[in-house]
């Protein structure tokens, strides 16, 4: 059964299917994403808000705040940072988008320490 452009899918209980042409990093991200769906009991066709929530949780699980701070301290290139963190650029962007106010403050503080006067 084809996935029709999707990277993965789950029945929400006991099955996760992956698109066979993914790179290892893509499989890592897709499996984590689908596991979050399974944990939440999502069967199929989630609303956009639910999908955003799953993407945010996936990103949090795959990128710890210390790892994110470390990566962004030495590069501002999305692809380089994602490669270092062993995630896709999409997951890295989801992590940045889902920062809590406290995490955002830590990121700003770390950036200001690395780039004095910026």
N, C-alpha and C. Protein backbone atom coordinates (compact mmCIF):
# COMPACT_ATOMS: atom_id res chain seq x y z
N UNK A 1 0.84 -1.18 0.00
CA UNK A 1 0.00 0.00 0.00
C UNK A 1 0.90 1.25 0.00
N UNK A 2 0.80 2.12 -1.00
CA UNK A 2 1.66 3.30 -1.10
C UNK A 2 1.33 4.35 -0.04
N UNK A 3 2.33 5.16 0.31
CA UNK A 3 2.15 6.21 1.31
C UNK A 3 1.74 7.55 0.69
N UNK A 4 1.68 7.63 -0.62
CA UNK A 4 1.20 8.82 -1.33
C UNK A 4 1.88 10.11 -0.85
N UNK A 5 3.21 10.14 -0.93
CA UNK A 5 3.96 11.34 -0.61
C UNK A 5 4.25 11.56 0.86
N UNK A 6 3.72 10.75 1.72
CA UNK A 6 3.98 10.88 3.15
C UNK A 6 5.24 10.11 3.51
N UNK A 7 5.90 10.54 4.57
CA UNK A 7 7.11 9.85 5.04
C UNK A 7 6.77 8.62 5.87
N UNK A 8 5.62 8.67 6.53
CA UNK A 8 5.23 7.55 7.38
C UNK A 8 3.77 7.66 7.76
N UNK A 9 3.30 6.58 8.38
CA UNK A 9 1.93 6.57 8.88
C UNK A 9 1.81 5.49 9.95
N UNK A 10 0.76 5.59 10.73
CA UNK A 10 0.49 4.62 11.77
C UNK A 10 -1.00 4.35 11.84
N UNK A 11 -1.33 3.18 12.37
CA UNK A 11 -2.74 2.89 12.63
C UNK A 11 -3.11 3.33 14.05
N UNK A 12 -2.14 3.89 14.77
CA UNK A 12 -2.39 4.39 16.12
C UNK A 12 -2.30 3.33 17.19
N UNK A 13 -1.99 2.11 16.80
CA UNK A 13 -1.96 1.02 17.79
C UNK A 13 -0.70 0.17 17.70
N UNK A 14 -0.55 -0.52 16.58
CA UNK A 14 0.53 -1.51 16.52
C UNK A 14 1.28 -1.55 15.19
N UNK A 15 1.15 -0.49 14.39
CA UNK A 15 1.79 -0.49 13.08
C UNK A 15 2.31 0.90 12.74
N UNK A 16 3.59 0.96 12.34
CA UNK A 16 4.17 2.17 11.78
C UNK A 16 4.78 1.76 10.45
N UNK A 17 4.40 2.49 9.41
CA UNK A 17 4.96 2.23 8.07
C UNK A 17 5.79 3.43 7.66
N UNK A 18 6.94 3.17 7.03
CA UNK A 18 7.84 4.22 6.58
C UNK A 18 7.98 4.19 5.08
N UNK A 19 8.14 5.36 4.48
CA UNK A 19 8.46 5.42 3.06
C UNK A 19 9.83 4.79 2.89
N UNK A 20 10.00 3.88 1.94
CA UNK A 20 11.25 3.12 1.84
C UNK A 20 12.46 3.90 1.33
N UNK A 21 12.26 5.09 0.79
CA UNK A 21 13.39 5.82 0.20
C UNK A 21 13.94 6.91 1.11
N UNK A 22 13.67 6.84 2.39
CA UNK A 22 14.16 7.85 3.31
C UNK A 22 15.61 7.58 3.70
N UNK A 23 16.33 8.66 3.97
CA UNK A 23 17.66 8.55 4.54
C UNK A 23 17.54 8.15 6.01
N UNK A 24 18.63 7.72 6.61
CA UNK A 24 18.59 7.28 8.00
C UNK A 24 18.09 8.39 8.93
N UNK A 25 18.57 9.61 8.74
CA UNK A 25 18.13 10.72 9.57
C UNK A 25 16.63 10.97 9.41
N UNK A 26 16.13 10.82 8.20
CA UNK A 26 14.69 10.98 7.96
C UNK A 26 13.90 9.87 8.65
N UNK A 27 14.40 8.65 8.61
CA UNK A 27 13.72 7.55 9.29
C UNK A 27 13.67 7.80 10.79
N UNK A 28 14.77 8.29 11.35
CA UNK A 28 14.82 8.58 12.79
C UNK A 28 13.73 9.58 13.16
N UNK A 29 13.61 10.64 12.38
CA UNK A 29 12.62 11.67 12.66
C UNK A 29 11.20 11.16 12.44
N UNK A 30 10.99 10.40 11.36
CA UNK A 30 9.66 9.88 11.04
C UNK A 30 9.20 8.89 12.10
N UNK A 31 10.08 7.99 12.51
CA UNK A 31 9.70 7.01 13.54
C UNK A 31 9.30 7.72 14.82
N UNK A 32 10.09 8.69 15.25
CA UNK A 32 9.75 9.42 16.47
C UNK A 32 8.40 10.11 16.33
N UNK A 33 8.16 10.74 15.20
CA UNK A 33 6.89 11.41 14.93
C UNK A 33 5.72 10.42 15.03
N UNK A 34 5.87 9.28 14.39
CA UNK A 34 4.79 8.29 14.39
C UNK A 34 4.60 7.67 15.78
N UNK A 35 5.66 7.51 16.55
CA UNK A 35 5.55 7.00 17.92
C UNK A 35 4.72 7.96 18.78
N UNK A 36 4.93 9.26 18.59
CA UNK A 36 4.11 10.23 19.33
C UNK A 36 2.64 10.06 18.96
N UNK A 37 2.35 9.87 17.68
CA UNK A 37 0.96 9.61 17.28
C UNK A 37 0.41 8.36 17.97
N UNK A 38 1.20 7.29 18.00
CA UNK A 38 0.75 6.04 18.64
C UNK A 38 0.49 6.28 20.12
N UNK A 39 1.42 6.94 20.80
CA UNK A 39 1.24 7.21 22.24
C UNK A 39 -0.02 8.00 22.52
N UNK A 40 -0.39 8.85 21.60
CA UNK A 40 -1.59 9.68 21.78
C UNK A 40 -2.84 9.01 21.22
N UNK A 41 -2.70 7.84 20.63
CA UNK A 41 -3.84 7.11 20.11
C UNK A 41 -4.44 7.67 18.84
N UNK A 42 -3.66 8.44 18.10
CA UNK A 42 -4.17 9.02 16.85
C UNK A 42 -4.24 7.94 15.77
N UNK A 43 -5.36 7.83 15.15
CA UNK A 43 -5.58 6.81 14.12
C UNK A 43 -5.19 7.31 12.73
N UNK A 44 -5.75 8.42 12.29
CA UNK A 44 -5.40 8.97 10.98
C UNK A 44 -6.08 10.32 10.82
N UNK A 45 -5.58 11.10 9.89
CA UNK A 45 -6.21 12.36 9.54
C UNK A 45 -6.33 13.35 10.67
N UNK A 46 -5.23 13.67 11.33
CA UNK A 46 -5.27 14.62 12.44
C UNK A 46 -5.48 16.04 11.96
N UNK A 47 -6.14 16.83 12.79
CA UNK A 47 -6.35 18.25 12.51
C UNK A 47 -4.99 18.96 12.51
N UNK A 48 -4.88 20.08 11.81
CA UNK A 48 -3.61 20.81 11.76
C UNK A 48 -3.03 21.14 13.15
N UNK A 49 -3.86 21.53 14.08
CA UNK A 49 -3.36 21.87 15.43
C UNK A 49 -2.78 20.64 16.12
N UNK A 50 -3.39 19.49 15.92
CA UNK A 50 -2.88 18.24 16.51
C UNK A 50 -1.55 17.88 15.87
N UNK A 51 -1.48 18.01 14.56
CA UNK A 51 -0.23 17.70 13.85
C UNK A 51 0.89 18.64 14.30
N UNK A 52 0.60 19.92 14.52
CA UNK A 52 1.62 20.86 15.01
C UNK A 52 2.11 20.43 16.39
N UNK A 53 1.20 19.99 17.23
CA UNK A 53 1.56 19.53 18.56
C UNK A 53 2.47 18.30 18.50
N UNK A 54 2.15 17.37 17.62
CA UNK A 54 2.97 16.17 17.44
C UNK A 54 4.35 16.54 16.91
N UNK A 55 4.39 17.46 15.97
CA UNK A 55 5.68 17.90 15.42
C UNK A 55 6.53 18.58 16.50
N UNK A 56 5.90 19.38 17.34
CA UNK A 56 6.64 20.05 18.42
C UNK A 56 7.20 19.02 19.41
N UNK A 57 6.39 18.05 19.79
CA UNK A 57 6.85 17.01 20.71
C UNK A 57 7.96 16.17 20.09
N UNK A 58 7.84 15.86 18.82
CA UNK A 58 8.89 15.12 18.11
C UNK A 58 10.20 15.89 18.19
N UNK A 59 10.14 17.18 17.90
CA UNK A 59 11.35 18.01 17.92
C UNK A 59 11.96 18.09 19.31
N UNK A 60 11.12 18.22 20.34
CA UNK A 60 11.63 18.26 21.72
C UNK A 60 12.34 16.96 22.08
N UNK A 61 11.78 15.84 21.66
CA UNK A 61 12.40 14.55 21.98
C UNK A 61 13.73 14.35 21.27
N UNK A 62 13.82 14.86 20.07
CA UNK A 62 15.03 14.63 19.28
C UNK A 62 16.13 15.68 19.50
N UNK A 63 15.76 16.86 19.99
CA UNK A 63 16.74 17.93 20.17
C UNK A 63 16.60 18.49 21.59
N UNK A 64 17.53 18.14 22.45
CA UNK A 64 17.50 18.71 23.80
C UNK A 64 17.91 20.18 23.72
N UNK A 65 17.52 20.94 24.71
CA UNK A 65 17.89 22.35 24.72
C UNK A 65 19.40 22.53 24.76
N UNK A 66 20.14 21.80 25.61
CA UNK A 66 21.60 21.97 25.59
C UNK A 66 22.21 21.67 24.22
N UNK A 67 21.73 20.63 23.54
CA UNK A 67 22.25 20.31 22.21
C UNK A 67 21.92 21.41 21.22
N UNK A 68 20.73 21.96 21.30
CA UNK A 68 20.33 23.06 20.41
C UNK A 68 21.21 24.28 20.66
N UNK A 69 21.39 24.64 21.92
CA UNK A 69 22.21 25.79 22.25
C UNK A 69 23.64 25.61 21.75
N UNK A 70 24.17 24.42 21.92
CA UNK A 70 25.53 24.13 21.46
C UNK A 70 25.64 24.27 19.95
N UNK A 71 24.71 23.68 19.23
CA UNK A 71 24.76 23.73 17.76
C UNK A 71 24.64 25.15 17.24
N UNK A 72 23.73 25.91 17.81
CA UNK A 72 23.51 27.28 17.31
C UNK A 72 24.59 28.24 17.77
N UNK A 73 25.43 27.82 18.72
CA UNK A 73 26.54 28.67 19.16
C UNK A 73 27.66 28.70 18.12
N UNK A 74 27.76 27.66 17.30
CA UNK A 74 28.87 27.62 16.33
C UNK A 74 28.43 27.68 14.88
N UNK A 75 27.13 27.60 14.61
CA UNK A 75 26.69 27.74 13.23
C UNK A 75 25.31 28.39 13.18
N UNK A 76 25.09 29.16 12.14
CA UNK A 76 23.78 29.73 11.89
C UNK A 76 23.18 29.14 10.62
N UNK A 77 23.84 28.15 10.08
CA UNK A 77 23.36 27.48 8.88
C UNK A 77 22.41 26.35 9.29
N UNK A 78 21.16 26.42 8.82
CA UNK A 78 20.15 25.43 9.21
C UNK A 78 20.57 24.00 8.87
N UNK A 79 21.11 23.81 7.69
CA UNK A 79 21.48 22.47 7.25
C UNK A 79 22.64 21.92 8.07
N UNK A 80 23.61 22.76 8.36
CA UNK A 80 24.75 22.34 9.17
C UNK A 80 24.31 21.99 10.60
N UNK A 81 23.46 22.83 11.17
CA UNK A 81 22.96 22.57 12.52
C UNK A 81 22.13 21.29 12.56
N UNK A 82 21.25 21.10 11.58
CA UNK A 82 20.43 19.89 11.53
C UNK A 82 21.30 18.65 11.39
N UNK A 83 22.30 18.72 10.55
CA UNK A 83 23.22 17.60 10.37
C UNK A 83 23.93 17.28 11.68
N UNK A 84 24.40 18.29 12.37
CA UNK A 84 25.08 18.11 13.66
C UNK A 84 24.15 17.46 14.69
N UNK A 85 22.88 17.87 14.67
CA UNK A 85 21.90 17.36 15.63
C UNK A 85 21.26 16.05 15.20
N UNK A 86 21.59 15.59 14.01
CA UNK A 86 21.07 14.36 13.43
C UNK A 86 19.55 14.37 13.32
N UNK A 87 19.06 15.49 12.76
CA UNK A 87 17.64 15.65 12.48
C UNK A 87 17.50 16.31 11.11
N UNK A 88 16.29 16.39 10.61
CA UNK A 88 16.02 17.11 9.38
C UNK A 88 15.92 18.61 9.69
N UNK A 89 16.07 19.43 8.67
CA UNK A 89 15.91 20.87 8.85
C UNK A 89 14.49 21.16 9.33
N UNK A 90 13.52 20.43 8.83
CA UNK A 90 12.13 20.61 9.25
C UNK A 90 11.97 20.41 10.76
N UNK A 91 12.58 19.36 11.30
CA UNK A 91 12.50 19.10 12.74
C UNK A 91 13.23 20.19 13.52
N UNK A 92 14.37 20.65 13.02
CA UNK A 92 15.09 21.75 13.68
C UNK A 92 14.21 22.99 13.72
N UNK A 93 13.56 23.31 12.62
CA UNK A 93 12.67 24.49 12.60
C UNK A 93 11.49 24.30 13.55
N UNK A 94 10.96 23.09 13.61
CA UNK A 94 9.87 22.81 14.55
C UNK A 94 10.33 23.04 15.99
N UNK A 95 11.58 22.67 16.29
CA UNK A 95 12.10 22.84 17.66
C UNK A 95 12.22 24.32 17.99
N UNK A 96 12.74 25.09 17.04
CA UNK A 96 12.85 26.54 17.26
C UNK A 96 11.46 27.16 17.43
N UNK A 97 10.52 26.76 16.60
CA UNK A 97 9.16 27.30 16.67
C UNK A 97 8.47 26.95 17.99
N UNK A 98 8.84 25.83 18.60
CA UNK A 98 8.17 25.35 19.81
C UNK A 98 8.90 25.72 21.10
N UNK A 99 9.90 26.59 21.00
CA UNK A 99 10.62 26.99 22.22
C UNK A 99 9.67 27.62 23.22
N UNK A 100 9.85 27.26 24.47
CA UNK A 100 9.09 27.92 25.54
C UNK A 100 9.73 29.29 25.78
N UNK A 101 9.05 30.18 26.48
CA UNK A 101 9.67 31.48 26.79
C UNK A 101 11.01 31.33 27.52
N UNK A 102 11.09 30.39 28.44
CA UNK A 102 12.35 30.16 29.16
C UNK A 102 13.45 29.65 28.25
N UNK A 103 13.09 28.74 27.34
CA UNK A 103 14.08 28.23 26.39
C UNK A 103 14.54 29.33 25.44
N UNK A 104 13.61 30.18 25.02
CA UNK A 104 13.95 31.30 24.14
C UNK A 104 14.93 32.24 24.85
N UNK A 105 14.68 32.52 26.12
CA UNK A 105 15.57 33.39 26.90
C UNK A 105 16.97 32.76 27.01
N UNK A 106 17.03 31.46 27.22
CA UNK A 106 18.33 30.77 27.30
C UNK A 106 19.06 30.85 25.97
N UNK A 107 18.34 30.74 24.88
CA UNK A 107 18.94 30.83 23.55
C UNK A 107 19.50 32.25 23.32
N UNK A 108 18.73 33.26 23.68
CA UNK A 108 19.19 34.64 23.52
C UNK A 108 20.41 34.89 24.38
N UNK A 109 20.39 34.42 25.62
CA UNK A 109 21.53 34.61 26.52
C UNK A 109 22.77 33.92 25.98
N UNK A 110 22.63 32.71 25.48
CA UNK A 110 23.76 31.97 24.92
C UNK A 110 24.31 32.69 23.69
N UNK A 111 23.43 33.18 22.85
CA UNK A 111 23.86 33.90 21.66
C UNK A 111 24.61 35.17 22.03
N UNK A 112 24.12 35.90 23.02
CA UNK A 112 24.78 37.13 23.45
C UNK A 112 26.16 36.87 24.04
N UNK A 113 26.32 35.71 24.72
CA UNK A 113 27.65 35.34 25.25
C UNK A 113 28.62 35.02 24.13
N UNK A 114 28.13 34.35 23.09
CA UNK A 114 28.98 33.95 21.97
C UNK A 114 29.29 35.15 21.08
N UNK A 115 28.33 36.04 20.89
CA UNK A 115 28.47 37.21 20.02
C UNK A 115 28.37 38.49 20.86
N UNK A 116 29.42 38.82 21.63
CA UNK A 116 29.34 40.02 22.47
C UNK A 116 29.09 41.27 21.63
N UNK A 117 28.25 42.13 22.16
CA UNK A 117 27.94 43.38 21.48
C UNK A 117 26.92 43.24 20.37
N UNK A 118 26.41 42.03 20.15
CA UNK A 118 25.44 41.85 19.07
C UNK A 118 24.07 42.29 19.50
